[in-house]
Protein backbone atom coordinates (compact mmCIF):
# COMPACT_ATOMS: atom_id res chain seq x y z
CA MET A 1 15.19 -22.04 1.20
CA SER A 2 12.52 -19.53 0.79
CA ALA A 3 12.13 -16.47 -0.24
CA HIS A 4 9.39 -15.20 1.89
CA LEU A 5 10.11 -17.48 4.89
CA ALA A 6 13.04 -17.27 7.17
CA VAL A 7 14.05 -19.14 10.30
CA THR A 8 16.55 -16.92 12.58
CA ARG A 9 18.04 -17.75 15.99
CA ASP A 10 18.09 -15.53 18.95
CA GLY A 11 19.81 -18.31 21.75
CA PRO A 12 17.47 -21.15 22.36
CA VAL A 13 14.69 -19.11 20.59
CA ALA A 14 14.10 -19.64 16.69
CA VAL A 15 11.91 -16.70 14.78
CA LEU A 16 9.81 -17.89 12.00
CA THR A 17 9.29 -14.50 10.00
CA ILE A 18 6.82 -14.60 7.15
CA ASP A 19 8.45 -11.83 4.76
CA ARG A 20 6.28 -10.74 2.22
CA PRO A 21 5.27 -7.50 3.73
CA GLU A 22 4.07 -5.48 0.10
CA LYS A 23 1.14 -8.07 0.29
CA ARG A 24 0.75 -8.13 4.25
CA ASN A 25 2.45 -11.29 4.46
CA ALA A 26 -0.29 -13.09 2.51
CA MET A 27 0.65 -16.61 1.75
CA THR A 28 1.20 -17.75 -1.68
CA ALA A 29 0.51 -21.53 -2.68
CA ARG A 30 4.13 -22.12 -2.90
CA MET A 31 4.51 -20.52 0.69
CA TRP A 32 2.50 -22.79 1.99
CA ALA A 33 4.10 -25.73 0.38
CA GLU A 34 7.46 -24.51 1.85
CA LEU A 35 6.68 -24.05 5.25
CA PRO A 36 6.98 -27.84 6.41
CA ASP A 37 10.29 -27.99 5.33
CA VAL A 38 11.15 -24.32 6.39
CA LEU A 39 10.39 -25.68 10.20
CA ALA A 40 12.04 -28.98 9.70
CA GLY A 41 15.41 -28.08 10.59
CA ALA A 42 14.48 -25.73 13.72
CA ALA A 43 12.15 -28.85 14.44
CA ALA A 44 15.20 -31.06 14.86
CA ASP A 45 17.98 -29.18 16.25
CA PRO A 46 17.53 -30.07 19.99
CA THR A 47 19.11 -26.21 21.15
CA VAL A 48 15.77 -24.69 19.72
CA ARG A 49 13.58 -24.26 22.92
CA VAL A 50 11.05 -22.11 21.61
CA LEU A 51 9.63 -20.85 18.19
CA VAL A 52 8.37 -17.43 17.80
CA VAL A 53 6.20 -16.89 14.78
CA THR A 54 5.83 -13.39 13.31
CA GLY A 55 5.10 -11.15 10.46
CA ALA A 56 7.66 -8.43 8.54
CA GLY A 57 6.49 -4.88 8.74
CA PRO A 58 3.17 -3.96 10.00
CA SER A 59 1.01 -7.10 9.51
CA PHE A 60 0.97 -10.60 10.81
CA CYS A 61 -0.50 -12.19 7.71
CA ALA A 62 -3.50 -11.36 5.39
CA GLY A 63 -4.45 -15.13 4.93
CA ALA A 64 -3.86 -16.84 1.78
CA ASP A 65 -2.88 -15.10 -1.47
CA ILE A 66 -6.33 -15.03 -3.27
CA GLY A 67 -4.61 -15.33 -6.62
CA ASP A 68 -3.44 -19.01 -5.63
CA LEU A 69 -6.83 -19.74 -4.52
CA LEU A 70 -8.17 -21.63 -8.12
CA GLY A 71 -5.03 -22.62 -9.14
CA GLY A 72 -5.82 -26.62 -9.08
CA ASP A 73 -6.47 -28.68 -12.15
CA ASP A 74 -9.25 -30.02 -11.02
CA PRO A 75 -11.98 -27.99 -12.10
CA ALA A 76 -14.39 -29.84 -9.73
CA ASP A 77 -11.85 -28.71 -7.09
CA PRO A 78 -9.61 -26.15 -8.11
CA MET A 79 -8.58 -25.57 -3.91
CA ALA A 80 -7.01 -28.95 -4.08
CA ASP A 81 -3.72 -27.98 -4.11
CA VAL A 82 -3.48 -24.95 -1.97
CA ARG A 83 -5.97 -26.79 0.39
CA ARG A 84 -3.42 -29.37 1.08
CA HIS A 85 -0.64 -27.35 1.25
CA ASN A 86 -2.43 -25.33 3.77
CA LEU A 87 -3.16 -28.07 5.84
CA ALA A 88 0.32 -29.62 5.65
CA ALA A 89 1.91 -26.26 6.73
CA GLN A 90 -0.81 -25.92 10.01
CA ALA A 91 -0.14 -29.33 10.93
CA ALA A 92 4.07 -28.37 10.75
CA LEU A 93 3.18 -25.97 13.03
CA ARG A 94 0.77 -27.70 15.10
CA GLU A 95 3.23 -30.53 15.82
CA PHE A 96 6.30 -29.01 16.49
CA PRO A 97 7.99 -30.06 19.53
CA THR A 98 8.66 -27.36 21.73
CA PRO A 99 6.56 -23.93 22.72
CA THR A 100 5.52 -22.29 19.97
CA VAL A 101 4.40 -18.38 20.64
CA ALA A 102 2.58 -16.28 17.69
CA MET A 103 3.50 -12.13 17.83
CA ILE A 104 1.00 -10.02 15.99
CA ARG A 105 0.86 -6.91 14.68
CA GLY A 106 -1.91 -5.73 12.31
CA HIS A 107 -3.91 -8.06 10.17
CA CYS A 108 -4.17 -11.18 10.83
CA ILE A 109 -7.01 -12.49 8.44
CA GLY A 110 -8.12 -15.78 7.48
CA GLY A 111 -5.25 -18.25 6.59
CA GLY A 112 -3.27 -15.70 8.88
CA VAL A 113 -5.36 -16.65 11.86
CA GLU A 114 -5.24 -20.44 11.32
CA ILE A 115 -1.33 -20.00 11.58
CA ALA A 116 -1.84 -17.93 15.21
CA ALA A 117 -4.53 -20.75 15.98
CA ALA A 118 -1.78 -23.91 15.14
CA CYS A 119 0.79 -21.97 17.41
CA ASP A 120 0.61 -22.61 21.15
CA LEU A 121 0.00 -19.32 22.50
CA ARG A 122 -0.71 -15.83 20.90
CA PHE A 123 0.55 -12.04 21.95
CA THR A 124 -0.36 -9.15 19.89
CA ASP A 125 -0.56 -5.40 20.20
CA PRO A 126 -3.67 -3.16 20.14
CA THR A 127 -3.01 -2.60 16.62
CA GLY A 128 -4.05 -6.73 15.65
CA ARG A 129 -7.39 -7.13 13.61
CA PHE A 130 -8.58 -10.77 12.86
CA GLY A 131 -10.73 -11.89 10.67
CA VAL A 132 -12.20 -15.27 9.48
CA THR A 133 -13.39 -14.49 5.94
CA PRO A 134 -14.31 -17.68 3.81
CA ALA A 135 -18.11 -16.33 3.88
CA LYS A 136 -16.59 -13.31 1.64
CA VAL A 137 -15.39 -15.88 -0.75
CA GLY A 138 -18.03 -19.00 -0.67
CA ILE A 139 -14.87 -21.41 0.96
CA VAL A 140 -15.71 -24.12 2.93
CA TYR A 141 -13.45 -24.02 5.78
CA ALA A 142 -11.58 -27.39 6.58
CA PRO A 143 -12.87 -29.27 9.67
CA SER A 144 -9.55 -29.29 11.37
CA SER A 145 -9.34 -25.37 10.66
CA VAL A 146 -13.02 -24.95 12.51
CA LYS A 147 -11.90 -27.11 15.36
CA ALA A 148 -8.89 -24.84 15.83
CA LEU A 149 -10.97 -22.01 16.23
CA ILE A 150 -13.67 -23.44 18.25
CA ASP A 151 -11.29 -24.89 20.60
CA LEU A 152 -10.30 -21.10 21.32
CA VAL A 153 -12.88 -18.63 21.20
CA GLY A 154 -15.93 -21.34 21.65
CA PRO A 155 -18.93 -22.49 19.06
CA ALA A 156 -20.82 -19.37 19.07
CA THR A 157 -17.80 -16.69 18.64
CA ALA A 158 -16.71 -19.33 16.13
CA LYS A 159 -19.51 -19.03 14.28
CA TYR A 160 -19.86 -15.50 14.71
CA LEU A 161 -16.51 -14.82 12.66
CA LEU A 162 -16.92 -17.79 10.17
CA PHE A 163 -20.85 -16.49 9.53
CA SER A 164 -19.98 -13.05 8.90
CA GLY A 165 -16.22 -12.45 8.00
CA GLU A 166 -16.34 -9.23 10.54
CA GLN A 167 -13.04 -8.16 11.77
CA ILE A 168 -12.34 -8.07 15.52
CA ASP A 169 -10.04 -5.71 17.32
CA ALA A 170 -6.80 -7.25 19.71
CA ALA A 171 -9.39 -6.32 22.86
CA THR A 172 -12.39 -8.35 21.57
CA ALA A 173 -9.79 -10.97 20.43
CA LEU A 174 -8.51 -11.00 24.44
CA ARG A 175 -11.74 -11.68 25.58
CA THR A 176 -12.69 -14.14 23.30
CA GLY A 177 -9.87 -16.30 23.55
CA LEU A 178 -8.46 -15.73 20.21
CA VAL A 179 -5.12 -14.12 21.95
CA ASP A 180 -3.36 -14.97 25.22
CA ARG A 181 -2.06 -11.44 25.86
CA VAL A 182 -2.26 -7.77 24.26
CA VAL A 183 0.76 -5.65 24.82
CA ASP A 184 1.64 -1.95 24.07
CA PRO A 185 3.07 -1.75 20.85
CA ALA A 186 6.36 -0.91 22.02
CA ASP A 187 6.88 -3.33 24.49
CA LEU A 188 5.12 -6.18 21.94
CA GLU A 189 8.78 -7.80 20.53
CA THR A 190 10.31 -7.26 24.13
CA GLU A 191 7.63 -8.67 25.89
CA VAL A 192 7.48 -11.67 23.85
CA HIS A 193 11.39 -12.21 23.73
CA ARG A 194 11.27 -12.07 27.43
CA PHE A 195 8.35 -14.65 27.97
CA ALA A 196 10.38 -16.99 25.13
CA THR A 197 13.54 -16.47 27.29
CA VAL A 198 11.14 -17.73 30.64
CA LEU A 199 9.86 -20.95 28.72
CA ALA A 200 13.57 -21.70 27.51
CA SER A 201 14.59 -21.97 31.22
CA ARG A 202 11.75 -24.47 31.85
CA SER A 203 11.44 -27.95 31.75
CA ALA A 204 11.73 -29.09 28.08
CA LEU A 205 10.42 -32.46 29.08
CA THR A 206 7.29 -31.01 30.83
CA GLN A 207 6.64 -28.76 27.84
CA ARG A 208 6.72 -31.73 25.85
CA ALA A 209 4.57 -33.50 27.92
CA VAL A 210 1.93 -30.77 27.95
CA LYS A 211 1.93 -30.67 24.38
CA GLU A 212 1.35 -34.54 23.51
CA VAL A 213 -1.30 -34.59 26.51
CA VAL A 214 -3.18 -31.78 25.23
CA ARG A 215 -2.94 -33.18 22.01
CA ALA A 216 -4.26 -36.53 23.16
CA LEU A 217 -7.20 -34.94 25.17
CA GLU A 218 -7.93 -32.72 22.32
CA GLY A 219 -8.21 -35.87 19.82
CA GLY A 220 -10.65 -37.77 22.72
CA GLY A 221 -7.76 -39.62 24.42
CA ASP A 222 -7.03 -39.39 28.21
CA GLY A 223 -3.66 -38.93 27.80
CA ALA A 224 -1.92 -40.81 30.20
CA ALA A 225 -0.20 -42.81 28.09
CA GLU A 226 1.77 -40.06 26.82
CA ALA A 227 2.01 -38.56 30.31
CA ALA A 228 3.53 -41.73 32.04
CA ARG A 229 6.18 -41.81 29.05
CA TRP A 230 7.44 -38.25 29.86
CA TYR A 231 7.29 -38.75 33.40
CA ARG A 232 9.49 -41.59 32.73
CA LYS A 233 11.90 -39.92 31.03
CA THR A 234 11.79 -36.87 33.61
CA VAL A 235 12.91 -39.13 36.15
CA SER A 236 15.68 -41.02 34.21
CA CYS A 237 17.14 -37.95 32.74
CA GLY A 238 17.25 -36.28 35.80
CA GLU A 239 15.42 -33.45 35.23
CA LEU A 240 12.73 -34.07 38.07
CA ALA A 241 15.48 -34.56 40.48
CA GLU A 242 17.24 -30.93 39.48
CA GLY A 243 13.71 -29.38 39.97
CA VAL A 244 13.34 -30.05 43.19
CA ALA A 245 17.18 -29.48 44.19
CA ALA A 246 17.02 -26.08 42.68
CA PHE A 247 13.46 -25.28 44.31
CA GLY A 248 15.01 -26.59 47.72
CA GLU A 249 18.11 -24.46 47.50
CA ARG A 250 16.31 -21.67 45.85
CA ARG A 251 18.21 -21.17 42.64
CA PRO A 252 17.56 -21.58 38.92
CA PRO A 253 17.40 -24.92 37.93
CA ARG A 254 20.18 -26.13 35.34
CA PHE A 255 17.78 -28.77 33.70
CA PRO A 256 19.94 -31.33 31.50
CA TRP A 257 18.93 -30.21 28.13
CA PRO A 258 18.82 -31.67 25.30
CA VAL A 259 18.80 -35.24 26.39
C-alpha cells in the first residue's frame, strides 16, 4: 500500500494514479521506492491487459520532490538513494508486461517525463507542459533516462530540453515525438479508455512479443530469438488460428487469454 500511489481496475485496464495533487504529484523518495511494489500486483495479474498511468488533479507529475534530492547519507553522493529508487521505478514501468499508456494533463516535468517516457505510449491534452530540468538544479541525468529521451525525440531535441530546462507545450511535444496523441481536454479520459479497450481486445501475445523485440533491438540485439519464442506460443495456444479464423469470418477474435 502507498499513500500517494494507487492502482484501480476498470475491467482489463489497470489505472495507476500518482495522487499528491497539492504538490502537483511530485514524487518523494518514498514514492519512487514504493512504485515497483505498487506495480507488481498488476504485473502479475493475468487479467490485466493494459496499464494507464496518470496523475490526480490538473497535473501529471511535476518531477522529483526537490526536498528529497539531497537526503542521502553520503556527502559525496547525496542523491544515491533517490537515484536508485528512481531508476528502479522507471525499470518497473518499462518492464511491465502489457501495454502502458501515460495519460497526461498539465505539468509533466523532470521525473514526470521519466515516468511518461518509461510508458509505451503517451496521450495528452493541450494543457500538457513538458520540461526536463536538470540544468536548473545541477543534476546529471542517468544515461538510461537520457537514452529514453533520445529514443523518443532524437539527440537534438533531447539536448535542447536537457541544456535549457525550458518547457514545451503539447503541440511541440507532439511534433518532436515526446507524445503520441493530443486530445481535446473534455475527451482525454474517454479517448484513453477507448484506446485501452482496443488494446485489451488485441492479441496479448503479439503485444508481449512487440515489447520484448523492441527492448532487444534497443539493447543492440536483433530480436530474432524473442520473436521466434512468441511466435511458437501464438501457434501452440491457438491465438494465431483464432485470429486468422476471425478475420475470415468477419467477426471479433476471441483470443484465448490468459494463457
